[in-house]
Amino acid sequence: MLYTIYELLFWLQPEATSSGGGGDAGGGEAVAPSGGCATQAGLLLVMMLVFYFLLIRPQQKRQKEQDQMLKALRKGTVVRTTGGIRGEIFSIDEREVVLLVADRVKINVLRANVAGAEPTPEERAQAERTRAEKKKDDGKKSKDDADEDEGDEDEGDEDKGKDDE
């Protein structure tokens, strides 16, 4: 991939001129660059678009999701911090969250350090059921594919028998 990009960049470069130094005494005629400025501007525009769609836009999307998650935090929600501490929100304000991490053990953390809400036991059970069903379906598909392959081989054996006669 990098080689392809290199070829593209090489192809977009203007051709070198052979003016033979600094003056007209070199014997060669001066060749005007053809589209050099427009080509470089186009290349710069393409690079900016690539940076936007591969780096900037996904980061903005993640930041927006994080902000929405932080706004949706409520008292009683079980969360995990960026440091890995799991606790239930005891109280919350604009800047800080007080987490209840054990009986009568509360800690204050900045709201921005909340990594996300932990799934409830019901959500966890639903995810497990979905995962188990998907595994079961994948197993059936693999077995069906294997049965079809065996059936194809049997048909091939019948064809061989016909050829021998």
N, C-alpha and C. Protein backbone atom coordinates (compact mmCIF):
# COMPACT_ATOMS: atom_id res chain seq x y z
N MET A 1 0.83 -1.18 0.00
CA MET A 1 0.00 0.00 0.00
C MET A 1 0.88 1.25 0.00
N LEU A 2 1.91 1.24 0.86
CA LEU A 2 2.80 2.39 0.91
C LEU A 2 3.51 2.58 -0.43
N TYR A 3 3.84 1.47 -1.07
CA TYR A 3 4.51 1.56 -2.36
C TYR A 3 3.59 2.21 -3.40
N THR A 4 2.31 1.88 -3.35
CA THR A 4 1.35 2.48 -4.27
C THR A 4 1.24 3.98 -4.04
N ILE A 5 1.22 4.39 -2.78
CA ILE A 5 1.17 5.81 -2.46
C ILE A 5 2.44 6.49 -2.94
N TYR A 6 3.58 5.81 -2.76
CA TYR A 6 4.85 6.37 -3.23
C TYR A 6 4.82 6.56 -4.74
N GLU A 7 4.30 5.56 -5.47
CA GLU A 7 4.21 5.69 -6.92
C GLU A 7 3.33 6.86 -7.32
N LEU A 8 2.22 7.04 -6.62
CA LEU A 8 1.31 8.15 -6.91
C LEU A 8 2.01 9.49 -6.69
N LEU A 9 2.72 9.60 -5.57
CA LEU A 9 3.43 10.84 -5.29
C LEU A 9 4.53 11.09 -6.32
N PHE A 10 5.22 10.04 -6.72
CA PHE A 10 6.28 10.17 -7.72
C PHE A 10 5.69 10.61 -9.05
N TRP A 11 4.53 10.06 -9.40
CA TRP A 11 3.88 10.41 -10.65
C TRP A 11 3.41 11.86 -10.66
N LEU A 12 3.02 12.39 -9.49
CA LEU A 12 2.53 13.76 -9.40
C LEU A 12 3.65 14.81 -9.39
N GLN A 13 4.88 14.39 -9.20
CA GLN A 13 5.99 15.34 -9.18
C GLN A 13 6.24 15.90 -10.56
N PRO A 14 6.52 17.21 -10.65
CA PRO A 14 6.84 17.78 -11.97
C PRO A 14 8.20 17.26 -12.43
N GLU A 15 8.38 17.24 -13.75
CA GLU A 15 9.64 16.74 -14.30
C GLU A 15 10.76 17.74 -14.02
N ALA A 16 11.95 17.21 -13.86
CA ALA A 16 13.12 18.06 -13.59
C ALA A 16 13.50 18.82 -14.86
N THR A 17 14.02 20.02 -14.65
CA THR A 17 14.49 20.81 -15.79
C THR A 17 16.00 20.71 -15.87
N SER A 18 16.51 20.81 -17.08
CA SER A 18 17.96 20.73 -17.26
C SER A 18 18.46 22.07 -17.81
N SER A 19 18.42 23.09 -16.99
CA SER A 19 18.85 24.40 -17.46
C SER A 19 20.36 24.56 -17.35
N GLY A 20 21.03 23.61 -16.72
CA GLY A 20 22.49 23.62 -16.71
C GLY A 20 23.09 24.62 -15.75
N GLY A 21 22.46 24.89 -14.69
CA GLY A 21 23.06 25.80 -13.72
C GLY A 21 22.21 27.03 -13.53
N GLY A 22 22.90 28.18 -13.38
CA GLY A 22 22.18 29.38 -13.05
C GLY A 22 21.92 30.30 -14.21
N GLY A 23 22.56 30.12 -15.35
CA GLY A 23 22.40 31.09 -16.43
C GLY A 23 21.99 30.46 -17.73
N ASP A 24 21.99 31.28 -18.78
CA ASP A 24 21.64 30.80 -20.10
C ASP A 24 22.81 30.13 -20.80
N ALA A 25 23.97 30.20 -20.21
CA ALA A 25 25.16 29.66 -20.85
C ALA A 25 25.17 28.13 -20.82
N GLY A 26 24.27 27.53 -20.15
CA GLY A 26 24.23 26.07 -20.05
C GLY A 26 23.84 25.41 -21.34
N GLY A 27 23.25 26.12 -22.25
CA GLY A 27 22.92 25.56 -23.54
C GLY A 27 21.53 24.99 -23.60
N GLY A 28 20.88 24.74 -22.49
CA GLY A 28 19.53 24.18 -22.52
C GLY A 28 18.51 25.29 -22.41
N GLU A 29 17.35 25.02 -22.95
CA GLU A 29 16.29 26.00 -22.86
C GLU A 29 15.54 25.80 -21.54
N ALA A 30 15.06 26.89 -20.97
CA ALA A 30 14.29 26.81 -19.74
C ALA A 30 12.90 26.28 -20.05
N VAL A 31 12.48 25.29 -19.28
CA VAL A 31 11.17 24.69 -19.47
C VAL A 31 10.26 25.17 -18.35
N ALA A 32 9.11 25.69 -18.71
CA ALA A 32 8.17 26.17 -17.69
C ALA A 32 7.52 24.98 -17.01
N PRO A 33 7.43 25.02 -15.69
CA PRO A 33 6.78 23.90 -14.98
C PRO A 33 5.30 23.84 -15.37
N SER A 34 4.83 22.66 -15.66
CA SER A 34 3.45 22.50 -16.10
C SER A 34 2.59 22.02 -14.94
N GLY A 35 1.79 22.91 -14.40
CA GLY A 35 0.84 22.56 -13.35
C GLY A 35 1.46 22.19 -12.03
N GLY A 36 2.65 22.61 -11.73
CA GLY A 36 3.32 22.25 -10.49
C GLY A 36 2.59 22.74 -9.26
N CYS A 37 2.14 23.98 -9.29
CA CYS A 37 1.45 24.56 -8.15
C CYS A 37 0.08 23.91 -7.94
N ALA A 38 -0.64 23.70 -9.03
CA ALA A 38 -1.96 23.08 -8.93
C ALA A 38 -1.84 21.64 -8.45
N THR A 39 -0.83 20.94 -8.91
CA THR A 39 -0.62 19.56 -8.50
C THR A 39 -0.32 19.48 -7.02
N GLN A 40 0.54 20.36 -6.53
CA GLN A 40 0.89 20.36 -5.11
C GLN A 40 -0.31 20.75 -4.25
N ALA A 41 -1.10 21.70 -4.72
CA ALA A 41 -2.30 22.10 -3.97
C ALA A 41 -3.30 20.94 -3.93
N GLY A 42 -3.44 20.25 -5.03
CA GLY A 42 -4.34 19.09 -5.07
C GLY A 42 -3.87 17.99 -4.13
N LEU A 43 -2.57 17.75 -4.14
CA LEU A 43 -2.00 16.73 -3.26
C LEU A 43 -2.21 17.11 -1.79
N LEU A 44 -2.02 18.38 -1.48
CA LEU A 44 -2.23 18.86 -0.11
C LEU A 44 -3.69 18.68 0.29
N LEU A 45 -4.60 18.96 -0.61
CA LEU A 45 -6.03 18.79 -0.34
C LEU A 45 -6.36 17.33 -0.09
N VAL A 46 -5.81 16.43 -0.90
CA VAL A 46 -6.05 15.00 -0.72
C VAL A 46 -5.53 14.54 0.64
N MET A 47 -4.35 15.00 1.02
CA MET A 47 -3.78 14.60 2.31
C MET A 47 -4.63 15.12 3.47
N MET A 48 -5.14 16.34 3.35
CA MET A 48 -5.99 16.88 4.41
C MET A 48 -7.29 16.09 4.53
N LEU A 49 -7.85 15.66 3.40
CA LEU A 49 -9.06 14.84 3.44
C LEU A 49 -8.79 13.49 4.09
N VAL A 50 -7.66 12.90 3.77
CA VAL A 50 -7.30 11.61 4.37
C VAL A 50 -7.15 11.77 5.88
N PHE A 51 -6.44 12.80 6.32
CA PHE A 51 -6.29 13.05 7.76
C PHE A 51 -7.65 13.25 8.41
N TYR A 52 -8.53 14.00 7.77
CA TYR A 52 -9.84 14.28 8.36
C TYR A 52 -10.64 12.99 8.54
N PHE A 53 -10.73 12.17 7.48
CA PHE A 53 -11.58 11.00 7.55
C PHE A 53 -10.95 9.85 8.34
N LEU A 54 -9.64 9.78 8.44
CA LEU A 54 -9.02 8.68 9.17
C LEU A 54 -8.66 9.03 10.62
N LEU A 55 -8.45 10.29 10.93
CA LEU A 55 -8.02 10.66 12.27
C LEU A 55 -8.98 11.58 13.01
N ILE A 56 -9.33 12.68 12.41
CA ILE A 56 -10.09 13.72 13.11
C ILE A 56 -11.54 13.32 13.32
N ARG A 57 -12.20 12.86 12.27
CA ARG A 57 -13.63 12.54 12.36
C ARG A 57 -13.90 11.39 13.34
N PRO A 58 -13.16 10.28 13.31
CA PRO A 58 -13.42 9.22 14.29
C PRO A 58 -13.20 9.69 15.74
N GLN A 59 -12.18 10.53 15.95
CA GLN A 59 -11.93 11.04 17.30
C GLN A 59 -13.09 11.92 17.77
N GLN A 60 -13.62 12.76 16.89
CA GLN A 60 -14.76 13.59 17.26
C GLN A 60 -15.98 12.74 17.59
N LYS A 61 -16.16 11.65 16.85
CA LYS A 61 -17.28 10.75 17.09
C LYS A 61 -17.15 10.09 18.46
N ARG A 62 -15.94 9.61 18.80
CA ARG A 62 -15.71 9.00 20.11
C ARG A 62 -15.92 10.00 21.24
N GLN A 63 -15.46 11.25 21.02
CA GLN A 63 -15.61 12.29 22.05
C GLN A 63 -17.09 12.61 22.27
N LYS A 64 -17.86 12.65 21.20
CA LYS A 64 -19.29 12.93 21.31
C LYS A 64 -19.99 11.82 22.10
N GLU A 65 -19.65 10.56 21.81
CA GLU A 65 -20.23 9.43 22.54
C GLU A 65 -19.85 9.49 24.02
N GLN A 66 -18.60 9.85 24.32
CA GLN A 66 -18.14 9.95 25.71
C GLN A 66 -18.91 11.05 26.43
N ASP A 67 -19.10 12.19 25.79
CA ASP A 67 -19.84 13.29 26.41
C ASP A 67 -21.29 12.89 26.68
N GLN A 68 -21.91 12.19 25.74
CA GLN A 68 -23.29 11.74 25.95
C GLN A 68 -23.37 10.76 27.11
N MET A 69 -22.38 9.87 27.23
CA MET A 69 -22.36 8.91 28.32
C MET A 69 -22.22 9.63 29.66
N LEU A 70 -21.35 10.63 29.71
CA LEU A 70 -21.14 11.37 30.97
C LEU A 70 -22.39 12.15 31.36
N LYS A 71 -23.11 12.68 30.38
CA LYS A 71 -24.35 13.40 30.69
C LYS A 71 -25.44 12.47 31.17
N ALA A 72 -25.41 11.20 30.75
CA ALA A 72 -26.45 10.24 31.11
C ALA A 72 -26.22 9.58 32.46
N LEU A 73 -25.12 9.89 33.14
CA LEU A 73 -24.84 9.28 34.44
C LEU A 73 -25.88 9.72 35.46
N ARG A 74 -26.37 8.76 36.25
CA ARG A 74 -27.36 9.04 37.29
C ARG A 74 -26.95 8.34 38.58
N LYS A 75 -27.51 8.79 39.68
CA LYS A 75 -27.26 8.18 40.98
C LYS A 75 -27.74 6.73 40.94
N GLY A 76 -26.91 5.82 41.45
CA GLY A 76 -27.24 4.40 41.46
C GLY A 76 -26.65 3.61 40.31
N THR A 77 -26.11 4.27 39.31
CA THR A 77 -25.50 3.58 38.18
C THR A 77 -24.15 3.01 38.61
N VAL A 78 -23.88 1.78 38.22
CA VAL A 78 -22.59 1.16 38.50
C VAL A 78 -21.66 1.51 37.34
N VAL A 79 -20.51 2.10 37.67
CA VAL A 79 -19.57 2.56 36.66
C VAL A 79 -18.17 2.04 36.95
N ARG A 80 -17.31 2.16 35.96
CA ARG A 80 -15.89 1.84 36.12
C ARG A 80 -15.11 3.08 35.72
N THR A 81 -14.08 3.40 36.51
CA THR A 81 -13.26 4.58 36.22
C THR A 81 -12.14 4.20 35.27
N THR A 82 -11.43 5.21 34.76
CA THR A 82 -10.30 4.94 33.88
C THR A 82 -9.18 4.24 34.62
N GLY A 83 -9.16 4.35 35.93
CA GLY A 83 -8.16 3.64 36.74
C GLY A 83 -8.56 2.22 37.06
N GLY A 84 -9.77 1.81 36.68
CA GLY A 84 -10.22 0.43 36.87
C GLY A 84 -11.06 0.22 38.12
N ILE A 85 -11.37 1.27 38.86
CA ILE A 85 -12.16 1.13 40.08
C ILE A 85 -13.63 1.05 39.70
N ARG A 86 -14.31 0.05 40.27
CA ARG A 86 -15.73 -0.16 40.01
C ARG A 86 -16.51 0.29 41.22
N GLY A 87 -17.56 1.07 40.98
CA GLY A 87 -18.37 1.53 42.10
C GLY A 87 -19.72 2.03 41.65
N GLU A 88 -20.58 2.23 42.62
CA GLU A 88 -21.92 2.74 42.37
C GLU A 88 -21.93 4.24 42.64
N ILE A 89 -22.57 5.00 41.77
CA ILE A 89 -22.61 6.45 41.95
C ILE A 89 -23.47 6.76 43.17
N PHE A 90 -22.88 7.40 44.17
CA PHE A 90 -23.58 7.80 45.39
C PHE A 90 -24.15 9.20 45.23
N SER A 91 -23.31 10.10 44.68
CA SER A 91 -23.79 11.45 44.35
C SER A 91 -22.98 11.95 43.16
N ILE A 92 -23.55 12.94 42.48
CA ILE A 92 -22.92 13.44 41.26
C ILE A 92 -23.20 14.92 41.14
N ASP A 93 -22.20 15.66 40.68
CA ASP A 93 -22.40 17.07 40.34
C ASP A 93 -21.71 17.33 39.00
N GLU A 94 -21.59 18.59 38.63
CA GLU A 94 -21.03 18.93 37.32
C GLU A 94 -19.57 18.51 37.16
N ARG A 95 -18.82 18.50 38.26
CA ARG A 95 -17.38 18.25 38.17
C ARG A 95 -16.96 16.91 38.74
N GLU A 96 -17.58 16.48 39.82
CA GLU A 96 -17.14 15.27 40.52
C GLU A 96 -18.25 14.25 40.67
N VAL A 97 -17.81 13.01 40.89
CA VAL A 97 -18.71 11.89 41.16
C VAL A 97 -18.21 11.23 42.43
N VAL A 98 -19.12 10.94 43.36
CA VAL A 98 -18.77 10.20 44.57
C VAL A 98 -19.21 8.77 44.34
N LEU A 99 -18.24 7.84 44.40
CA LEU A 99 -18.51 6.43 44.16
C LEU A 99 -18.51 5.67 45.48
N LEU A 100 -19.46 4.78 45.61
CA LEU A 100 -19.51 3.86 46.74
C LEU A 100 -18.87 2.57 46.27
N VAL A 101 -17.64 2.30 46.73
CA VAL A 101 -16.90 1.14 46.24
C VAL A 101 -17.02 -0.07 47.15
N ALA A 102 -17.39 0.14 48.40
CA ALA A 102 -17.62 -0.94 49.36
C ALA A 102 -18.54 -0.37 50.45
N ASP A 103 -18.89 -1.17 51.43
CA ASP A 103 -19.72 -0.67 52.52
C ASP A 103 -19.01 0.48 53.22
N ARG A 104 -19.65 1.62 53.25
CA ARG A 104 -19.16 2.84 53.92
C ARG A 104 -17.80 3.31 53.39
N VAL A 105 -17.45 2.94 52.16
CA VAL A 105 -16.22 3.42 51.54
C VAL A 105 -16.61 4.21 50.29
N LYS A 106 -16.37 5.52 50.36
CA LYS A 106 -16.71 6.41 49.25
C LYS A 106 -15.45 7.08 48.76
N ILE A 107 -15.37 7.27 47.44
CA ILE A 107 -14.24 8.00 46.87
C ILE A 107 -14.77 9.06 45.91
N ASN A 108 -14.06 10.16 45.83
CA ASN A 108 -14.39 11.22 44.88
C ASN A 108 -13.50 11.07 43.66
N VAL A 109 -14.10 11.11 42.49
CA VAL A 109 -13.34 11.10 41.24
C VAL A 109 -13.91 12.19 40.34
N LEU A 110 -13.07 12.68 39.47
CA LEU A 110 -13.56 13.64 38.49
C LEU A 110 -14.51 12.94 37.52
N ARG A 111 -15.51 13.66 37.12
CA ARG A 111 -16.51 13.09 36.22
C ARG A 111 -15.86 12.61 34.91
N ALA A 112 -14.84 13.31 34.45
CA ALA A 112 -14.17 12.95 33.19
C ALA A 112 -13.41 11.63 33.31
N ASN A 113 -13.15 11.16 34.55
CA ASN A 113 -12.41 9.90 34.73
C ASN A 113 -13.32 8.69 34.79
N VAL A 114 -14.59 8.86 34.54
CA VAL A 114 -15.50 7.72 34.46
C VAL A 114 -15.41 7.16 33.05
N ALA A 115 -14.98 5.90 32.95
CA ALA A 115 -14.78 5.28 31.64
C ALA A 115 -16.09 4.83 31.02
N GLY A 116 -17.01 4.36 31.85
CA GLY A 116 -18.29 3.91 31.29
C GLY A 116 -19.11 3.18 32.32
N ALA A 117 -20.36 2.97 31.99
CA ALA A 117 -21.28 2.25 32.87
C ALA A 117 -21.08 0.75 32.71
N GLU A 118 -21.12 0.05 33.82
CA GLU A 118 -21.03 -1.40 33.79
C GLU A 118 -22.39 -1.97 33.43
N PRO A 119 -22.42 -3.06 32.68
CA PRO A 119 -23.72 -3.64 32.33
C PRO A 119 -24.41 -4.22 33.57
N THR A 120 -25.73 -4.11 33.61
CA THR A 120 -26.50 -4.69 34.70
C THR A 120 -26.51 -6.20 34.56
N PRO A 121 -26.86 -6.94 35.60
CA PRO A 121 -26.91 -8.41 35.48
C PRO A 121 -27.87 -8.87 34.38
N GLU A 122 -28.97 -8.15 34.18
CA GLU A 122 -29.90 -8.52 33.12
C GLU A 122 -29.26 -8.33 31.74
N GLU A 123 -28.56 -7.21 31.57
CA GLU A 123 -27.88 -6.96 30.29
C GLU A 123 -26.79 -7.99 30.05
N ARG A 124 -26.07 -8.35 31.11
CA ARG A 124 -25.01 -9.35 30.99
C ARG A 124 -25.59 -10.71 30.60
N ALA A 125 -26.73 -11.09 31.21
CA ALA A 125 -27.37 -12.36 30.89
C ALA A 125 -27.86 -12.36 29.45
N GLN A 126 -28.43 -11.24 29.01
CA GLN A 126 -28.90 -11.13 27.62
C GLN A 126 -27.74 -11.27 26.64
N ALA A 127 -26.60 -10.64 26.95
CA ALA A 127 -25.43 -10.74 26.09
C ALA A 127 -24.92 -12.17 26.02
N GLU A 128 -24.95 -12.88 27.16
CA GLU A 128 -24.51 -14.28 27.18
C GLU A 128 -25.43 -15.15 26.33
N ARG A 129 -26.76 -14.92 26.44
CA ARG A 129 -27.70 -15.69 25.62
C ARG A 129 -27.47 -15.44 24.14
N THR A 130 -27.26 -14.19 23.78
CA THR A 130 -27.02 -13.84 22.38
C THR A 130 -25.75 -14.50 21.88
N ARG A 131 -24.69 -14.46 22.70
CA ARG A 131 -23.42 -15.07 22.33
C ARG A 131 -23.58 -16.58 22.16
N ALA A 132 -24.34 -17.23 23.07
CA ALA A 132 -24.54 -18.67 23.00
C ALA A 132 -25.34 -19.04 21.75
N GLU A 133 -26.38 -18.25 21.43
CA GLU A 133 -27.17 -18.52 20.23
C GLU A 133 -26.32 -18.38 18.97
N LYS A 134 -25.47 -17.37 18.95
CA LYS A 134 -24.61 -17.15 17.79
C LYS A 134 -23.64 -18.31 17.61
N LYS A 135 -23.08 -18.78 18.74
CA LYS A 135 -22.16 -19.92 18.68
C LYS A 135 -22.88 -21.16 18.17
N LYS A 136 -24.11 -21.35 18.66
CA LYS A 136 -24.90 -22.51 18.26
C LYS A 136 -25.20 -22.45 16.76
N ASP A 137 -25.58 -21.26 16.27
CA ASP A 137 -25.86 -21.08 14.85
C ASP A 137 -24.61 -21.31 14.01
N ASP A 138 -23.47 -20.81 14.47
CA ASP A 138 -22.21 -21.01 13.74
C ASP A 138 -21.86 -22.49 13.68
N GLY A 139 -22.12 -23.22 14.78
CA GLY A 139 -21.85 -24.65 14.81
C GLY A 139 -22.73 -25.39 13.82
N LYS A 140 -24.01 -25.00 13.75
CA LYS A 140 -24.92 -25.63 12.80
C LYS A 140 -24.48 -25.37 11.36
N LYS A 141 -24.09 -24.14 11.08
CA LYS A 141 -23.66 -23.80 9.73
C LYS A 141 -22.43 -24.60 9.34
N SER A 142 -21.48 -24.74 10.26
CA SER A 142 -20.27 -25.50 9.96
C SER A 142 -20.62 -26.96 9.69
N LYS A 143 -21.54 -27.52 10.50
CA LYS A 143 -21.92 -28.91 10.31
C LYS A 143 -22.67 -29.08 8.98
N ASP A 144 -23.57 -28.15 8.67
CA ASP A 144 -24.31 -28.21 7.41
C ASP A 144 -23.36 -28.11 6.22
N ASP A 145 -22.37 -27.22 6.32
CA ASP A 145 -21.39 -27.07 5.25
C ASP A 145 -20.60 -28.36 5.06
N ALA A 146 -20.24 -29.00 6.17
CA ALA A 146 -19.48 -30.25 6.09
C ALA A 146 -20.35 -31.34 5.45
N ASP A 147 -21.65 -31.39 5.81
CA ASP A 147 -22.55 -32.38 5.22
C ASP A 147 -22.69 -32.15 3.72
N GLU A 148 -22.79 -30.90 3.31
CA GLU A 148 -22.90 -30.58 1.89
C GLU A 148 -21.64 -30.99 1.14
N ASP A 149 -20.49 -30.77 1.76
CA ASP A 149 -19.23 -31.16 1.12
C ASP A 149 -19.16 -32.67 0.95
N GLU A 150 -19.63 -33.43 1.96
CA GLU A 150 -19.62 -34.88 1.85
C GLU A 150 -20.58 -35.32 0.76
N GLY A 151 -21.73 -34.64 0.65
CA GLY A 151 -22.69 -34.96 -0.41
C GLY A 151 -22.10 -34.71 -1.78
N ASP A 152 -21.33 -33.67 -1.93
CA ASP A 152 -20.68 -33.37 -3.20
C ASP A 152 -19.69 -34.46 -3.56
N GLU A 153 -18.99 -34.99 -2.55
CA GLU A 153 -18.01 -36.04 -2.82
C GLU A 153 -18.72 -37.31 -3.27
N ASP A 154 -19.87 -37.62 -2.67
CA ASP A 154 -20.62 -38.81 -3.06
C ASP A 154 -21.08 -38.70 -4.51
N GLU A 155 -21.54 -37.52 -4.91
CA GLU A 155 -21.96 -37.31 -6.28
C GLU A 155 -20.79 -37.49 -7.23
N GLY A 156 -19.63 -37.07 -6.82
CA GLY A 156 -18.44 -37.23 -7.64
C GLY A 156 -18.09 -38.69 -7.82
N ASP A 157 -18.30 -39.52 -6.77
CA ASP A 157 -18.03 -40.95 -6.86
C ASP A 157 -18.97 -41.61 -7.86
N GLU A 158 -20.24 -41.17 -7.88
CA GLU A 158 -21.19 -41.73 -8.82
C GLU A 158 -20.78 -41.41 -10.25
N ASP A 159 -20.26 -40.19 -10.46
CA ASP A 159 -19.81 -39.81 -11.79
C ASP A 159 -18.64 -40.67 -12.23
N LYS A 160 -17.77 -41.02 -11.30
CA LYS A 160 -16.62 -41.85 -11.62
C LYS A 160 -17.08 -43.24 -12.04
N GLY A 161 -18.10 -43.74 -11.36
CA GLY A 161 -18.61 -45.05 -11.70
C GLY A 161 -19.18 -45.07 -13.10
N LYS A 162 -19.83 -44.00 -13.50
CA LYS A 162 -20.41 -43.92 -14.84
C LYS A 162 -19.32 -43.87 -15.89
N ASP A 163 -18.22 -43.21 -15.57
CA ASP A 163 -17.13 -43.11 -16.53
C ASP A 163 -16.45 -44.45 -16.74
N ASP A 164 -16.42 -45.28 -15.69
CA ASP A 164 -15.74 -46.57 -15.78
C ASP A 164 -16.52 -47.53 -16.67
N GLU A 165 -17.83 -47.39 -16.75
CA GLU A 165 -18.65 -48.31 -17.54
C GLU A 165 -18.49 -48.05 -18.97
